[in-house]
């Protein structure tokens, strides 16, 4: 929950909160898309991960555009 982008020194990191009672072994999948696009794209390095963050810098490098990201547990 509460997935947010943070941008520092042109690095765009997606972070999210997990529930306190999250089951052991829970993994996360991250997807992203550019505003106006219909298809969500998988961030391959952030599939089946256990950490609550994903670096989307290369996928969101055009600062003139707007991006969405989502996380699935």
N, C-alpha and C. Protein backbone atom coordinates (compact mmCIF):
# COMPACT_ATOMS: atom_id res chain seq x y z
N UNK A 1 0.84 -1.19 0.00
CA UNK A 1 0.00 0.00 0.00
C UNK A 1 0.88 1.24 0.00
N UNK A 2 0.31 2.36 -0.33
CA UNK A 2 1.01 3.64 -0.37
C UNK A 2 2.25 3.61 -1.25
N UNK A 3 2.12 3.11 -2.45
CA UNK A 3 3.25 3.11 -3.38
C UNK A 3 3.51 4.54 -3.84
N UNK A 4 4.77 4.97 -3.74
CA UNK A 4 5.13 6.33 -4.12
C UNK A 4 6.48 6.35 -4.80
N UNK A 5 6.64 7.30 -5.71
CA UNK A 5 7.94 7.55 -6.32
C UNK A 5 8.72 8.53 -5.47
N UNK A 6 10.00 8.30 -5.33
CA UNK A 6 10.89 9.31 -4.77
C UNK A 6 12.00 9.51 -5.78
N UNK A 7 12.37 10.75 -5.98
CA UNK A 7 13.37 11.08 -6.98
C UNK A 7 14.49 11.86 -6.32
N UNK A 8 15.70 11.29 -6.37
CA UNK A 8 16.88 11.93 -5.81
C UNK A 8 18.01 11.79 -6.81
N UNK A 9 18.62 12.90 -7.16
CA UNK A 9 19.73 12.89 -8.13
C UNK A 9 19.35 12.15 -9.42
N UNK A 10 18.13 12.37 -9.88
CA UNK A 10 17.60 11.79 -11.11
C UNK A 10 17.40 10.28 -11.04
N UNK A 11 17.45 9.69 -9.86
CA UNK A 11 17.09 8.28 -9.67
C UNK A 11 15.63 8.25 -9.22
N UNK A 12 14.82 7.45 -9.90
CA UNK A 12 13.40 7.34 -9.57
C UNK A 12 13.15 5.97 -8.95
N UNK A 13 12.89 5.98 -7.66
CA UNK A 13 12.71 4.75 -6.89
C UNK A 13 11.26 4.66 -6.44
N UNK A 14 10.63 3.54 -6.76
CA UNK A 14 9.28 3.26 -6.29
C UNK A 14 9.41 2.52 -4.96
N UNK A 15 8.72 3.01 -3.94
CA UNK A 15 8.71 2.35 -2.63
C UNK A 15 7.26 2.12 -2.22
N UNK A 16 7.06 1.14 -1.35
CA UNK A 16 5.71 0.86 -0.86
C UNK A 16 5.79 0.30 0.54
N UNK A 17 4.67 0.38 1.23
CA UNK A 17 4.56 -0.15 2.59
C UNK A 17 3.94 -1.54 2.53
N UNK A 18 4.34 -2.36 3.46
CA UNK A 18 3.73 -3.69 3.57
C UNK A 18 2.94 -3.75 4.87
N UNK A 19 2.02 -4.66 4.92
CA UNK A 19 1.23 -4.87 6.13
C UNK A 19 2.11 -5.51 7.20
N UNK A 20 1.80 -5.26 8.45
CA UNK A 20 2.58 -5.82 9.56
C UNK A 20 2.49 -7.33 9.60
N UNK A 21 1.36 -7.87 9.18
CA UNK A 21 1.16 -9.32 9.26
C UNK A 21 1.35 -10.00 7.90
N UNK A 22 2.25 -9.48 7.09
CA UNK A 22 2.50 -10.07 5.77
C UNK A 22 3.10 -11.47 5.94
N UNK A 23 2.57 -12.45 5.22
CA UNK A 23 3.07 -13.82 5.38
C UNK A 23 4.53 -13.95 4.93
N UNK A 24 5.30 -14.79 5.61
CA UNK A 24 6.68 -15.04 5.19
C UNK A 24 6.72 -15.56 3.75
N UNK A 25 7.70 -15.14 3.01
CA UNK A 25 7.85 -15.60 1.63
C UNK A 25 7.03 -14.82 0.62
N UNK A 26 6.33 -13.77 1.06
CA UNK A 26 5.56 -12.95 0.13
C UNK A 26 6.51 -12.25 -0.84
N UNK A 27 6.16 -12.29 -2.12
CA UNK A 27 6.97 -11.62 -3.14
C UNK A 27 6.12 -10.56 -3.85
N UNK A 28 6.81 -9.63 -4.48
CA UNK A 28 6.16 -8.51 -5.15
C UNK A 28 6.54 -8.46 -6.62
N UNK A 29 5.58 -8.02 -7.44
CA UNK A 29 5.80 -7.79 -8.86
C UNK A 29 5.48 -6.33 -9.16
N UNK A 30 6.36 -5.67 -9.89
CA UNK A 30 6.20 -4.25 -10.21
C UNK A 30 5.92 -4.08 -11.70
N UNK A 31 4.94 -3.23 -11.99
CA UNK A 31 4.63 -2.86 -13.36
C UNK A 31 4.59 -1.34 -13.45
N UNK A 32 4.77 -0.84 -14.67
CA UNK A 32 4.76 0.60 -14.89
C UNK A 32 4.18 0.89 -16.27
N UNK A 33 3.77 2.14 -16.47
CA UNK A 33 3.34 2.59 -17.79
C UNK A 33 3.42 4.11 -17.84
N UNK A 34 3.50 4.61 -19.04
CA UNK A 34 3.51 6.04 -19.27
C UNK A 34 2.06 6.52 -19.35
N UNK A 35 1.81 7.73 -18.89
CA UNK A 35 0.48 8.30 -18.94
C UNK A 35 -0.07 8.22 -20.37
N UNK A 36 -1.29 7.75 -20.51
CA UNK A 36 -1.93 7.63 -21.81
C UNK A 36 -1.81 6.25 -22.44
N UNK A 37 -0.86 5.45 -21.98
CA UNK A 37 -0.70 4.08 -22.49
C UNK A 37 -1.72 3.17 -21.81
N UNK A 38 -2.14 2.14 -22.52
CA UNK A 38 -3.11 1.21 -21.96
C UNK A 38 -2.47 -0.04 -21.36
N UNK A 39 -1.30 -0.39 -21.84
CA UNK A 39 -0.66 -1.64 -21.44
C UNK A 39 0.36 -1.39 -20.32
N UNK A 40 0.24 -2.18 -19.26
CA UNK A 40 1.22 -2.15 -18.17
C UNK A 40 2.41 -3.02 -18.59
N UNK A 41 3.61 -2.54 -18.28
CA UNK A 41 4.84 -3.27 -18.61
C UNK A 41 5.48 -3.79 -17.33
N UNK A 42 6.00 -5.01 -17.37
CA UNK A 42 6.70 -5.57 -16.22
C UNK A 42 8.10 -4.98 -16.13
N UNK A 43 8.52 -4.66 -14.92
CA UNK A 43 9.91 -4.31 -14.66
C UNK A 43 10.59 -5.63 -14.34
N UNK A 44 11.34 -6.17 -15.30
CA UNK A 44 11.86 -7.53 -15.18
C UNK A 44 12.72 -7.74 -13.94
N UNK A 45 13.50 -6.74 -13.55
CA UNK A 45 14.36 -6.89 -12.37
C UNK A 45 13.57 -6.82 -11.07
N UNK A 46 12.29 -6.48 -11.17
CA UNK A 46 11.47 -6.34 -9.96
C UNK A 46 10.27 -7.28 -10.01
N UNK A 47 10.50 -8.49 -10.44
CA UNK A 47 9.47 -9.53 -10.43
C UNK A 47 9.88 -10.57 -9.37
N UNK A 48 8.92 -10.97 -8.56
CA UNK A 48 9.15 -11.94 -7.48
C UNK A 48 10.25 -11.49 -6.53
N UNK A 49 10.21 -10.20 -6.14
CA UNK A 49 11.19 -9.67 -5.20
C UNK A 49 10.59 -9.62 -3.80
N UNK A 50 11.45 -9.58 -2.79
CA UNK A 50 10.98 -9.51 -1.41
C UNK A 50 11.19 -8.13 -0.80
N UNK A 51 11.98 -7.29 -1.42
CA UNK A 51 12.26 -5.95 -0.88
C UNK A 51 11.12 -4.99 -1.26
N UNK A 52 10.86 -3.96 -0.45
CA UNK A 52 9.75 -3.05 -0.72
C UNK A 52 10.15 -1.82 -1.54
N UNK A 53 10.98 -2.00 -2.56
CA UNK A 53 11.36 -0.89 -3.44
C UNK A 53 11.84 -1.44 -4.77
N UNK A 54 11.79 -0.57 -5.80
CA UNK A 54 12.20 -0.94 -7.15
C UNK A 54 12.74 0.31 -7.85
N UNK A 55 13.87 0.18 -8.48
CA UNK A 55 14.47 1.29 -9.22
C UNK A 55 13.87 1.34 -10.62
N UNK A 56 13.13 2.40 -10.91
CA UNK A 56 12.51 2.58 -12.22
C UNK A 56 13.13 3.75 -12.99
N UNK A 57 14.37 4.06 -12.69
CA UNK A 57 15.03 5.22 -13.30
C UNK A 57 15.06 5.12 -14.82
N UNK A 58 15.50 4.01 -15.35
CA UNK A 58 15.62 3.89 -16.81
C UNK A 58 14.26 3.90 -17.51
N UNK A 59 13.25 3.39 -16.83
CA UNK A 59 11.92 3.33 -17.42
C UNK A 59 11.19 4.67 -17.36
N UNK A 60 11.64 5.57 -16.49
CA UNK A 60 10.97 6.85 -16.28
C UNK A 60 11.92 8.02 -16.50
N UNK A 61 12.86 7.88 -17.41
CA UNK A 61 13.89 8.90 -17.56
C UNK A 61 13.45 10.16 -18.30
N UNK A 62 12.32 10.12 -19.00
CA UNK A 62 11.84 11.32 -19.68
C UNK A 62 11.06 12.17 -18.68
N UNK A 63 11.68 13.20 -18.15
CA UNK A 63 11.07 14.00 -17.09
C UNK A 63 9.90 14.86 -17.58
N UNK A 64 9.70 14.94 -18.89
CA UNK A 64 8.57 15.68 -19.43
C UNK A 64 7.30 14.84 -19.45
N UNK A 65 7.41 13.54 -19.17
CA UNK A 65 6.27 12.64 -19.19
C UNK A 65 5.81 12.30 -17.78
N UNK A 66 4.61 11.76 -17.70
CA UNK A 66 4.05 11.29 -16.43
C UNK A 66 3.98 9.76 -16.48
N UNK A 67 4.26 9.14 -15.34
CA UNK A 67 4.31 7.69 -15.26
C UNK A 67 3.46 7.18 -14.11
N UNK A 68 2.99 5.96 -14.27
CA UNK A 68 2.29 5.24 -13.22
C UNK A 68 3.08 3.97 -12.91
N UNK A 69 2.95 3.52 -11.68
CA UNK A 69 3.54 2.23 -11.31
C UNK A 69 2.58 1.55 -10.35
N UNK A 70 2.63 0.22 -10.33
CA UNK A 70 1.81 -0.52 -9.39
C UNK A 70 2.58 -1.75 -8.93
N UNK A 71 2.17 -2.23 -7.77
CA UNK A 71 2.82 -3.37 -7.13
C UNK A 71 1.75 -4.39 -6.80
N UNK A 72 2.08 -5.65 -7.06
CA UNK A 72 1.17 -6.74 -6.72
C UNK A 72 1.92 -7.69 -5.80
N UNK A 73 1.28 -8.09 -4.70
CA UNK A 73 1.88 -9.05 -3.79
C UNK A 73 1.38 -10.44 -4.12
